[in-house]
Amino acid sequence: MLVAAGYSHAFCTPHIWPNLPQNIPEVIEQRTKEVQRQYDEAGVDLNLLPGGELNLRPETVSWSREQVPTYAMKGKYCIFDLWADKLPPFFWPAVEHLQSLQLKLIIAHPERLRAVQEDVSLADEFLARGLILQGNLQCFSDAIGTSTRRTVEKLLVERKYFLLGTDTHRADTLPMRLNGLPRAIELAGQEYVDQLTISNPQVLI
């Protein structure tokens, strides 16, 4: 489905949560290779790369560089998520700790964060403090007037995003996510969306 939509590469970014202890960089990297072999054998022309979506938590301030999953496991870019009505006290200390490890941090789907929905200027603070924003294509397919769609469209039009990802959890949700792509193009133009889905993601590789 991704190949048919024009994708040539995909990052495998499983959640990094305390209740998923198997999701550590070396295991993710090995399992990505195993899935790639299956794709190759099946003739699926998609290049898979390992990664991981780190859930930002209080204990993140004690993590070492080796514990943090990064895009392609290159030790450069790390994506994290957070679910909160307002930024918790540990947010900036955890961010600053990860930045001190020489990591460039990407915040996943900020448009789904209630704190951002209620105060969109938080996105400007994120950018000012060195964070990179990745939008979720699914949110462009959400019902008109919902907080997620209103926020994602505003951030896109204001060119706050560096990336747009599918954030796919299951194959049956992929069409809904890919349906967000033409809406993004309608809002911001083909050239900008190509930057977010083609040019800029190449930096992560």
Protein backbone atom coordinates (compact mmCIF):
# COMPACT_ATOMS: atom_id res chain seq x y z
CA MET A 1 0.00 0.00 0.00
CA LEU A 2 2.85 2.38 0.78
CA VAL A 3 4.65 1.53 -2.45
CA ALA A 4 1.45 2.09 -4.42
CA ALA A 5 1.17 5.51 -2.77
CA GLY A 6 4.67 6.40 -3.98
CA TYR A 7 6.74 5.67 -0.89
CA SER A 8 10.19 4.14 -1.27
CA HIS A 9 11.26 4.09 2.41
CA ALA A 10 9.50 3.64 5.74
CA PHE A 11 10.74 3.97 9.31
CA CYS A 12 9.66 1.34 11.82
CA THR A 13 9.03 3.36 14.98
CA PRO A 14 7.50 1.14 17.68
CA HIS A 15 6.50 2.76 20.94
CA ILE A 16 9.14 2.95 23.65
CA TRP A 17 7.15 2.44 26.83
CA PRO A 18 8.01 0.81 30.19
CA ASN A 19 5.45 -1.95 29.47
CA LEU A 20 7.24 -2.80 26.19
CA PRO A 21 10.69 -3.79 27.54
CA GLN A 22 11.56 -5.65 24.33
CA ASN A 23 11.54 -2.39 22.37
CA ILE A 24 15.19 -1.48 22.69
CA PRO A 25 17.46 -0.26 19.86
CA GLU A 26 19.27 -3.52 19.17
CA VAL A 27 16.07 -5.58 19.11
CA ILE A 28 14.24 -3.07 16.91
CA GLU A 29 17.15 -3.02 14.49
CA GLN A 30 17.22 -6.83 14.26
CA ARG A 31 13.47 -7.18 13.81
CA THR A 32 13.45 -4.48 11.13
CA LYS A 33 16.05 -6.49 9.21
CA GLU A 34 13.90 -9.62 9.58
CA VAL A 35 10.85 -7.86 8.17
CA GLN A 36 12.97 -6.40 5.36
CA ARG A 37 14.03 -9.91 4.37
CA GLN A 38 10.38 -10.95 4.17
CA TYR A 39 9.57 -7.92 2.04
CA ASP A 40 12.50 -8.66 -0.27
CA GLU A 41 11.42 -12.28 -0.65
CA ALA A 42 7.86 -11.16 -1.42
CA GLY A 43 9.05 -8.62 -3.99
CA VAL A 44 7.85 -5.59 -2.01
CA ASP A 45 10.04 -2.69 -3.12
CA LEU A 46 10.08 -0.83 0.20
CA ASN A 47 13.22 -0.02 2.17
CA LEU A 48 12.67 -0.32 5.92
CA LEU A 49 14.72 1.54 8.49
CA PRO A 50 14.65 1.14 12.27
CA GLY A 51 13.62 3.76 14.77
CA GLY A 52 11.41 4.20 17.79
CA GLU A 53 8.92 6.66 19.24
CA LEU A 54 10.09 7.48 22.76
CA ASN A 55 7.43 8.34 25.29
CA LEU A 56 8.79 11.29 27.24
CA ARG A 57 8.70 10.48 30.95
CA PRO A 58 10.28 11.75 34.19
CA GLU A 59 12.93 9.01 34.09
CA THR A 60 14.06 10.14 30.63
CA VAL A 61 16.44 12.57 32.34
CA SER A 62 18.60 9.60 33.39
CA TRP A 63 18.75 7.84 30.03
CA SER A 64 22.06 7.29 28.30
CA ARG A 65 22.62 7.91 24.61
CA GLU A 66 22.75 4.14 23.98
CA GLN A 67 19.23 3.65 25.39
CA VAL A 68 17.62 6.16 23.05
CA PRO A 69 16.29 4.83 19.72
CA THR A 70 17.05 7.12 16.81
CA TYR A 71 16.13 7.23 13.15
CA ALA A 72 18.09 4.52 11.32
CA MET A 73 19.89 4.06 14.68
CA LYS A 74 22.35 6.73 13.54
CA GLY A 75 22.39 8.49 16.90
CA LYS A 76 21.23 11.81 15.47
CA TYR A 77 17.45 12.24 15.37
CA CYS A 78 15.03 11.03 18.04
CA ILE A 79 11.25 11.26 17.89
CA PHE A 80 9.19 11.40 21.07
CA ASP A 81 5.55 11.69 22.02
CA LEU A 82 3.70 13.03 25.03
CA TRP A 83 0.09 13.03 26.14
CA ALA A 84 -0.83 15.91 28.45
CA ASP A 85 -3.35 18.69 28.89
CA LYS A 86 -0.43 20.94 29.79
CA LEU A 87 3.31 20.50 29.70
CA PRO A 88 4.40 18.57 32.81
CA PRO A 89 7.26 19.85 35.00
CA PHE A 90 9.63 17.17 33.64
CA PHE A 91 9.08 18.16 29.99
CA TRP A 92 11.85 20.70 29.46
CA PRO A 93 14.41 18.99 31.78
CA ALA A 94 13.90 15.75 29.81
CA VAL A 95 14.17 17.59 26.48
CA GLU A 96 17.31 19.42 27.57
CA HIS A 97 18.87 16.17 28.78
CA LEU A 98 18.29 14.49 25.44
CA GLN A 99 19.62 17.55 23.65
CA SER A 100 22.74 17.39 25.84
CA LEU A 101 23.33 13.94 24.33
CA GLN A 102 23.75 15.70 20.97
CA LEU A 103 20.37 14.47 19.74
CA LYS A 104 18.04 16.45 17.51
CA LEU A 105 14.54 15.99 18.85
CA ILE A 106 11.34 15.59 16.87
CA ILE A 107 8.02 15.93 18.66
CA ALA A 108 5.45 13.57 17.18
CA HIS A 109 1.99 14.83 16.23
CA PRO A 110 1.93 18.01 18.37
CA GLU A 111 -1.54 18.67 16.93
CA ARG A 112 -2.80 15.73 19.01
CA LEU A 113 -1.41 17.18 22.23
CA ARG A 114 -4.19 18.91 24.18
CA ALA A 115 -1.73 21.47 25.51
CA VAL A 116 -0.99 22.58 21.93
CA GLN A 117 -4.63 22.49 20.87
CA GLU A 118 -5.46 24.91 23.68
CA ASP A 119 -2.40 27.11 23.12
CA VAL A 120 -1.01 26.82 19.59
CA SER A 121 1.76 29.30 20.47
CA LEU A 122 3.43 26.36 22.24
CA ALA A 123 4.53 25.23 18.78
CA ASP A 124 6.55 28.44 18.46
CA GLU A 125 8.19 27.75 21.82
CA PHE A 126 9.05 24.23 20.70
CA LEU A 127 10.69 25.58 17.56
CA ALA A 128 12.51 28.35 19.42
CA ARG A 129 14.01 25.77 21.77
CA GLY A 130 15.27 23.54 19.00
CA LEU A 131 12.50 20.98 18.60
CA ILE A 132 11.38 19.72 15.18
CA LEU A 133 7.68 19.12 14.50
CA GLN A 134 6.22 16.09 12.72
CA GLY A 135 2.59 16.18 11.69
CA ASN A 136 0.32 13.15 11.50
CA LEU A 137 -1.35 12.67 8.11
CA GLN A 138 -4.36 11.06 9.76
CA CYS A 139 -5.33 14.36 11.37
CA PHE A 140 -6.01 15.89 7.94
CA SER A 141 -8.72 13.23 7.55
CA ASP A 142 -10.30 13.88 10.94
CA ALA A 143 -13.76 15.42 11.02
CA ILE A 144 -13.90 19.08 10.04
CA GLY A 145 -13.94 21.28 13.13
CA THR A 146 -12.21 18.78 15.43
CA SER A 147 -9.31 20.08 17.52
CA THR A 148 -6.82 17.81 15.80
CA ARG A 149 -7.78 18.84 12.28
CA ARG A 150 -8.01 22.54 13.12
CA THR A 151 -4.57 22.45 14.76
CA VAL A 152 -2.79 20.35 12.14
CA GLU A 153 -4.08 22.55 9.33
CA LYS A 154 -3.03 25.73 11.13
CA LEU A 155 0.48 24.43 11.79
CA LEU A 156 0.83 23.26 8.19
CA VAL A 157 -0.35 26.52 6.65
CA GLU A 158 2.02 28.41 8.95
CA ARG A 159 4.82 26.08 7.81
CA LYS A 160 5.74 24.90 11.28
CA TYR A 161 6.28 21.25 10.29
CA PHE A 162 9.52 19.65 9.13
CA LEU A 163 7.97 16.23 8.49
CA LEU A 164 4.63 14.59 7.81
CA GLY A 165 4.34 10.94 8.83
CA THR A 166 1.66 8.30 8.51
CA ASP A 167 2.06 7.14 12.14
CA THR A 168 0.52 3.85 11.04
CA HIS A 169 -0.35 1.34 13.77
CA ARG A 170 -2.30 -1.17 11.68
CA ALA A 171 -2.58 -1.78 7.94
CA ASP A 172 -6.35 -1.21 7.98
CA THR A 173 -5.83 2.41 9.10
CA LEU A 174 -3.35 3.28 6.34
CA PRO A 175 -5.91 4.38 3.71
CA MET A 176 -7.37 6.91 6.15
CA ARG A 177 -3.90 8.26 6.82
CA LEU A 178 -2.92 8.45 3.16
CA ASN A 179 -6.18 10.27 2.44
CA GLY A 180 -4.74 13.15 4.44
CA LEU A 181 -2.02 13.67 1.85
CA PRO A 182 -4.16 15.36 -0.84
CA ARG A 183 -5.72 17.60 1.80
CA ALA A 184 -2.25 18.69 2.92
CA ILE A 185 -1.32 19.42 -0.70
CA GLU A 186 -4.53 21.40 -1.15
CA LEU A 187 -3.67 23.54 1.86
CA ALA A 188 0.06 24.07 1.44
CA GLY A 189 0.96 23.12 -2.11
CA GLN A 190 2.81 20.22 -3.68
CA GLU A 191 6.28 21.72 -3.26
CA TYR A 192 6.04 22.17 0.50
CA VAL A 193 4.42 18.77 1.06
CA ASP A 194 7.17 17.17 -1.04
CA GLN A 195 9.68 18.76 1.34
CA LEU A 196 7.87 17.24 4.32
CA THR A 197 7.52 13.77 2.84
CA ILE A 198 10.53 13.42 0.52
CA SER A 199 13.35 15.96 0.94
CA ASN A 200 13.36 16.49 4.70
CA PRO A 201 12.96 12.81 5.66
CA GLN A 202 16.12 12.06 3.67
CA VAL A 203 18.02 14.00 6.33
CA LEU A 204 17.01 11.34 8.86
CA ILE A 205 18.69 8.62 6.79
